[in-house]
Every structure is written in C-alpha cells, then in structure tokens.
Amino acid sequence: MSLNLEAIAHDIRVDCLKAIHAGRSGHPGGSLSIADMLAVLYFDEMNVDPARPTWRERDRFILSKGHACPSLYVALAMKGYFPMEEAMKLRKIGAFMEGHPDMRVPGIDAPSGSLGMGLSQGLGMALGAQLQGLNFRTHVILGDGDMQEGNTWEAIMSAGHKRADNLVALYDANKLQGDAPVETQLDMGNVSAKVAQFGWHTIDVDGHDIPALQAALKEARETKGKPTFLYADTVKGKGVGFMENVLMWHGSVTMTDAQLADALKELGDE
C-alpha cells in the first residue's frame, strides 16, 4: 500500500506544533523544516520495526540538531513506537520527552543536543555495521549550526576516507540559526562542493519536495564506495506563513493559544 507522504509530513507539522504549545517551550522553526525529510525517512526509506526498537539490523537515525526533536517524537509516535499522547508531554516533568532526544525514548538511536556530535556518532554506527557484516544504513540530519562545528568536518573527512557508503548525511539548510542568519553568523559558501572534496557523493535537493527526496535517497542507496551528503534546501518554519524565514521562531519560544490557532488554521487543521 502506497502511503501519502505529503499527508504524513502535514500531520507531523500539526502535531509538533501542538506538542510545543503544550510544553510551553520548544523550537518550531527547525521542527517544521525537517518534517518532509522525516516523513520520507520513517515511512518510505528506512527499514525499522517499532515492535523491535533495538533490533540489531534496523536502519539507524540520528537527529544531530536535537532541538528539532518535537517533529521526531511525533514521527516516532505516528510510526507506532509509543502513543501520540506521550509526544504531547514534551518538556514535562516526569515524562521522557526531553527538549533534546534521549535514549530512554523508544526509537531514539543516539542522544543529541550539543551540535556537531551527530555525524561522528553516525559514522561510528556505519563503520560498526561494516565490521559486523550487517546491512543497515545510518541517516543523520544536520543543521546549520552542525556544519559550523569542527567535529562535523572531522567526521566528513573520516567518512570519505573510510568509504562509508552506508552513511547518509541530510543537511537541513534552512539558513537561520539561533542568533542570526547563517550568512551573517558564519557563511559556509558552497557546502556541497566542500564536502565533495573529501570523497562524498553530494546531491542538492529541495528539502520539501518529497519525490525529489525519495529519488535522492534511492541514489544514495545505489552509490557505492562513497558516503552521500544531501544538501536539503529548506525553509525555517515551513508551512506556517508567520513563522517562515522569521528568526524568532528558531526557539525556544512559548506559543500563545492564538498563535497555535492561527498556525493550525493555516495548515488546515483547526
């Protein structure tokens, strides 16, 4: 049965905003910009089994930009790892839906929060699979802040050298970070060209075009001898007009009842 991935991405956006509102804190901008990637990864690309969250041969996923976890928690709930009610307990005392992914959450393969850690974690998993003769693949979503960390570039150099073709990095290039636009904070120039110099196969893709994301991930699977880097051109706050490309919605913000209502109305879920 073919799934409607656009509808899944829409529902991820709706419910992640509800979770952020319920938690009175969170990062809506970056959560919205990765919704399409999460829909494609969890409902089309990755081989995972919610009934066996620690299955040895499952594909791995790391959200290196951990502050966008509201969308990840919702995607995991939609996939069946836990009830959606748990995702709505974001940042609540006594719940395990922390403001950054934690290994206590079913389906989380690595903790994240400090930017720059995720790709190194993912490389370790990818190399571990090769050493053990396992066929699982590892996917890492990186943010703009991740790409400004030295640890990320060490992982890029090492992954290319090790020819880790079971590793895929997806760069959520939404071009706004905590304090300023990326071009003001630290302009990275042509990131894909730089990554390619270290032995990666690179693909530039519209991060909100689901068929294009599917095609890019298929191309990554078929690429041998090189890890794959997807430069996903995205919009911060995608889907909610008053949040799109507006720095304050990076987070962590408290959404008012009226703001949530306006956002849900625009998304067609009142």
Protein backbone atom coordinates (compact mmCIF):
# COMPACT_ATOMS: atom_id res chain seq x y z
CA MET A 1 0.00 0.00 0.00
CA SER A 2 1.38 3.38 -1.02
CA LEU A 3 1.43 5.95 1.76
CA ASN A 4 0.60 9.61 1.26
CA LEU A 5 3.88 11.08 2.44
CA GLU A 6 2.69 14.66 1.94
CA ALA A 7 -0.18 13.99 4.35
CA ILE A 8 2.22 12.41 6.84
CA ALA A 9 4.52 15.44 6.68
CA HIS A 10 1.49 17.68 7.20
CA ASP A 11 0.46 15.73 10.28
CA ILE A 12 3.99 15.87 11.67
CA ARG A 13 3.84 19.67 11.38
CA VAL A 14 0.44 19.90 13.04
CA ASP A 15 1.25 17.65 15.97
CA CYS A 16 4.74 19.02 16.60
CA LEU A 17 3.23 22.49 17.00
CA LYS A 18 0.63 21.10 19.39
CA ALA A 19 3.43 19.47 21.42
CA ILE A 20 5.48 22.67 21.54
CA HIS A 21 2.41 24.62 22.64
CA ALA A 22 1.61 22.06 25.33
CA GLY A 23 5.18 22.14 26.59
CA ARG A 24 5.20 25.95 26.65
CA SER A 25 8.67 25.75 25.11
CA GLY A 26 10.35 24.42 22.02
CA HIS A 27 11.87 25.14 18.63
CA PRO A 28 9.11 25.34 16.00
CA GLY A 29 11.15 26.74 13.09
CA GLY A 30 13.59 23.89 12.73
CA SER A 31 10.98 21.30 13.66
CA LEU A 32 8.84 22.39 10.72
CA SER A 33 11.74 22.48 8.26
CA ILE A 34 12.57 18.79 8.72
CA ALA A 35 9.01 17.38 8.59
CA ASP A 36 9.22 16.30 4.95
CA MET A 37 12.56 14.57 5.46
CA LEU A 38 11.24 12.69 8.49
CA ALA A 39 8.14 11.59 6.57
CA VAL A 40 10.25 10.16 3.76
CA LEU A 41 12.81 8.54 6.07
CA TYR A 42 10.43 6.84 8.50
CA PHE A 43 7.56 5.99 6.16
CA ASP A 44 9.37 5.16 2.93
CA GLU A 45 13.13 4.79 3.21
CA MET A 46 14.27 3.25 6.48
CA ASN A 47 13.93 -0.39 7.49
CA VAL A 48 12.73 -0.14 11.10
CA ASP A 49 10.29 -2.07 13.27
CA PRO A 50 8.54 -0.21 16.13
CA ALA A 51 7.79 -3.57 17.79
CA ARG A 52 11.55 -4.18 17.97
CA PRO A 53 13.16 -0.78 18.64
CA THR A 54 16.53 -2.38 19.45
CA TRP A 55 16.51 -4.81 16.51
CA ARG A 56 20.15 -5.29 15.57
CA GLU A 57 19.67 -4.94 11.82
CA ARG A 58 17.39 -1.89 11.86
CA ASP A 59 18.41 1.23 9.98
CA ARG A 60 19.67 3.95 12.30
CA PHE A 61 18.67 7.60 12.51
CA ILE A 62 20.33 10.46 14.37
CA LEU A 63 18.88 13.95 14.74
CA SER A 64 22.09 15.88 15.27
CA LYS A 65 20.14 19.15 15.51
CA GLY A 66 18.43 17.76 18.59
CA HIS A 67 16.42 20.88 19.38
CA ALA A 68 14.09 19.92 16.50
CA CYS A 69 13.01 16.79 18.39
CA PRO A 70 9.29 17.70 18.60
CA SER A 71 8.94 16.61 14.97
CA LEU A 72 10.99 13.47 15.59
CA TYR A 73 8.89 12.48 18.61
CA VAL A 74 5.72 12.94 16.58
CA ALA A 75 7.13 10.90 13.66
CA LEU A 76 8.05 8.09 16.07
CA ALA A 77 4.57 8.16 17.60
CA MET A 78 2.97 8.06 14.16
CA LYS A 79 5.19 5.12 13.26
CA GLY A 80 3.95 3.27 16.34
CA TYR A 81 6.83 3.41 18.82
CA PHE A 82 4.59 4.91 21.52
CA PRO A 83 1.17 6.62 21.79
CA MET A 84 0.86 10.18 20.48
CA GLU A 85 -0.13 11.22 23.99
CA GLU A 86 3.48 10.68 25.04
CA ALA A 87 4.78 13.05 22.35
CA MET A 88 2.44 15.70 23.78
CA LYS A 89 4.31 15.53 27.09
CA LEU A 90 7.24 17.47 25.61
CA ARG A 91 9.41 19.01 28.34
CA LYS A 92 7.02 17.89 31.09
CA ILE A 93 8.40 16.83 34.48
CA GLY A 94 8.04 13.09 34.90
CA ALA A 95 7.85 12.40 31.15
CA PHE A 96 10.75 11.21 28.99
CA MET A 97 10.16 13.59 26.06
CA GLU A 98 13.02 15.91 26.90
CA GLY A 99 13.95 19.02 24.96
CA HIS A 100 16.63 17.00 23.17
CA PRO A 101 16.50 13.32 22.18
CA ASP A 102 17.33 10.85 24.93
CA MET A 103 17.98 7.11 24.71
CA ARG A 104 15.05 6.42 27.06
CA VAL A 105 12.69 7.26 24.22
CA PRO A 106 11.82 4.17 22.13
CA GLY A 107 13.21 4.59 18.62
CA ILE A 108 15.97 7.04 19.54
CA ASP A 109 19.34 5.66 18.41
CA ALA A 110 21.59 8.35 19.89
CA PRO A 111 21.27 11.26 22.31
CA SER A 112 21.79 14.69 20.78
CA GLY A 113 21.85 18.30 21.76
CA SER A 114 25.40 19.61 21.57
CA LEU A 115 25.75 20.50 17.91
CA GLY A 116 28.43 18.77 15.89
CA MET A 117 28.19 15.35 17.54
CA GLY A 118 25.70 13.54 15.32
CA LEU A 119 27.74 12.80 12.22
CA SER A 120 30.56 11.27 14.25
CA GLN A 121 28.03 9.08 16.05
CA GLY A 122 26.54 8.09 12.72
CA LEU A 123 29.92 7.27 11.24
CA GLY A 124 30.66 5.01 14.19
CA MET A 125 27.40 3.16 13.57
CA ALA A 126 28.09 2.88 9.85
CA LEU A 127 31.60 1.51 10.36
CA GLY A 128 30.27 -0.84 13.04
CA ALA A 129 27.81 -2.26 10.52
CA GLN A 130 30.61 -2.87 8.02
CA LEU A 131 32.82 -4.56 10.61
CA GLN A 132 29.98 -6.84 11.71
CA GLY A 133 28.79 -7.66 8.21
CA LEU A 134 25.39 -6.05 8.80
CA ASN A 135 23.39 -4.33 6.07
CA PHE A 136 21.76 -1.49 7.98
CA ARG A 137 22.15 2.10 6.84
CA THR A 138 22.59 5.19 9.01
CA HIS A 139 21.00 8.58 8.33
CA VAL A 140 21.92 11.81 10.11
CA ILE A 141 20.04 15.11 9.87
CA LEU A 142 22.40 18.04 10.39
CA GLY A 143 21.55 21.69 10.98
CA ASP A 144 23.29 24.92 10.06
CA GLY A 145 24.98 25.02 13.46
CA ASP A 146 26.27 21.46 12.99
CA MET A 147 28.02 22.49 9.80
CA GLN A 148 29.97 25.15 11.72
CA GLU A 149 31.43 22.62 14.17
CA GLY A 150 34.89 21.13 13.72
CA ASN A 151 33.72 17.72 14.86
CA THR A 152 31.37 17.57 11.87
CA TRP A 153 34.18 18.22 9.44
CA GLU A 154 36.39 15.62 11.11
CA ALA A 155 33.59 13.12 10.54
CA ILE A 156 33.24 14.27 6.92
CA MET A 157 36.95 13.73 6.33
CA SER A 158 36.98 10.34 8.03
CA ALA A 159 33.80 9.03 6.38
CA GLY A 160 35.11 9.87 2.93
CA HIS A 161 38.46 8.26 3.70
CA LYS A 162 36.75 5.13 5.06
CA ARG A 163 34.42 4.99 2.03
CA ALA A 164 31.42 4.59 4.33
CA ASP A 165 28.77 4.16 1.66
CA ASN A 166 26.15 3.07 4.22
CA LEU A 167 26.12 6.58 5.73
CA VAL A 168 23.85 9.41 4.57
CA ALA A 169 24.00 12.97 5.89
CA LEU A 170 20.98 15.21 5.28
CA TYR A 171 21.80 18.88 5.78
CA ASP A 172 18.68 20.85 6.74
CA ALA A 173 19.88 24.13 5.24
CA ASN A 174 17.15 26.47 6.46
CA LYS A 175 19.63 29.36 6.61
CA LEU A 176 18.62 30.78 10.01
CA GLN A 177 20.22 29.87 13.33
CA GLY A 178 19.88 30.93 16.95
CA ASP A 179 21.14 34.48 16.78
CA ALA A 180 21.33 35.49 13.12
CA PRO A 181 21.05 34.39 9.51
CA VAL A 182 23.75 31.89 8.60
CA GLU A 183 25.24 34.25 6.01
CA THR A 184 25.81 36.76 8.83
CA GLN A 185 26.84 34.32 11.55
CA LEU A 186 29.27 32.21 9.52
CA ASP A 187 28.81 31.97 5.76
CA MET A 188 29.77 28.44 4.66
CA GLY A 189 29.80 29.16 0.93
CA ASN A 190 29.21 26.17 -1.37
CA VAL A 191 28.90 23.42 1.23
CA SER A 192 28.28 20.61 -1.25
CA ALA A 193 31.44 21.44 -3.18
CA LYS A 194 33.49 21.44 0.02
CA VAL A 195 32.07 18.10 1.20
CA ALA A 196 32.66 16.53 -2.22
CA GLN A 197 36.37 17.34 -1.89
CA PHE A 198 36.53 14.85 0.99
CA GLY A 199 35.27 11.92 -1.03
CA TRP A 200 31.49 12.21 -0.62
CA HIS A 201 28.81 11.82 -3.23
CA THR A 202 26.74 15.01 -2.97
CA ILE A 203 23.18 15.77 -4.05
CA ASP A 204 21.44 19.15 -3.90
CA VAL A 205 17.71 18.74 -3.34
CA ASP A 206 14.62 20.74 -2.38
CA GLY A 207 14.10 19.58 1.19
CA HIS A 208 10.32 20.00 0.87
CA ASP A 209 9.93 18.12 -2.43
CA ILE A 210 9.02 14.61 -1.32
CA PRO A 211 9.51 12.84 -4.68
CA ALA A 212 12.89 14.58 -5.03
CA LEU A 213 13.88 13.43 -1.53
CA GLN A 214 12.83 9.87 -2.40
CA ALA A 215 14.90 9.96 -5.58
CA ALA A 216 17.92 11.37 -3.76
CA LEU A 217 17.80 8.67 -1.08
CA LYS A 218 17.46 6.00 -3.79
CA GLU A 219 20.54 7.46 -5.48
CA ALA A 220 22.35 7.33 -2.12
CA ARG A 221 21.49 3.64 -1.74
CA GLU A 222 22.83 2.92 -5.20
CA THR A 223 26.08 4.85 -4.66
CA LYS A 224 28.96 2.52 -3.79
CA GLY A 225 32.31 3.43 -2.27
CA LYS A 226 31.27 6.86 -1.02
CA PRO A 227 29.02 8.24 1.73
CA THR A 228 26.25 10.54 0.49
CA PHE A 229 25.59 14.13 1.51
CA LEU A 230 22.19 15.64 0.75
CA TYR A 231 22.13 19.43 0.76
CA ALA A 232 18.43 19.93 1.50
CA ASP A 233 17.37 23.49 0.73
CA THR A 234 14.64 24.19 3.28
CA VAL A 235 12.56 27.00 4.80
CA LYS A 236 12.63 27.68 8.51
CA GLY A 237 9.07 27.40 9.80
CA LYS A 238 7.85 25.76 6.57
CA GLY A 239 4.08 25.63 6.26
CA VAL A 240 3.18 28.47 8.63
CA GLY A 241 3.43 31.83 6.93
CA PHE A 242 4.08 33.96 10.01
CA MET A 243 6.91 31.62 11.03
CA GLU A 244 8.59 31.14 7.66
CA ASN A 245 12.06 32.73 7.48
CA VAL A 246 11.47 34.60 10.76
CA LEU A 247 14.40 34.30 13.15
CA MET A 248 12.45 34.47 16.42
CA TRP A 249 10.73 31.15 15.62
CA HIS A 250 14.03 29.34 15.84
CA GLY A 251 13.22 28.98 19.57
CA SER A 252 12.99 28.29 22.31
CA VAL A 253 9.67 30.09 22.33
CA THR A 254 6.32 29.85 24.09
CA MET A 255 3.45 29.76 21.61
CA THR A 256 0.29 31.54 22.68
CA ASP A 257 -3.12 29.93 22.22
CA ALA A 258 -3.85 32.44 19.46
CA GLN A 259 -0.58 31.69 17.63
CA LEU A 260 -1.26 27.97 17.74
CA ALA A 261 -4.79 28.51 16.46
CA ASP A 262 -3.52 30.69 13.60
CA ALA A 263 -0.84 28.14 12.69
CA LEU A 264 -3.27 25.21 12.70
CA LYS A 265 -5.79 27.19 10.65
CA GLU A 266 -3.13 27.87 8.02
CA LEU A 267 -2.16 24.20 7.99
CA GLY A 268 -5.82 23.29 7.56
CA ASP A 269 -6.22 21.64 10.95
CA GLU A 270 -8.38 23.79 13.18
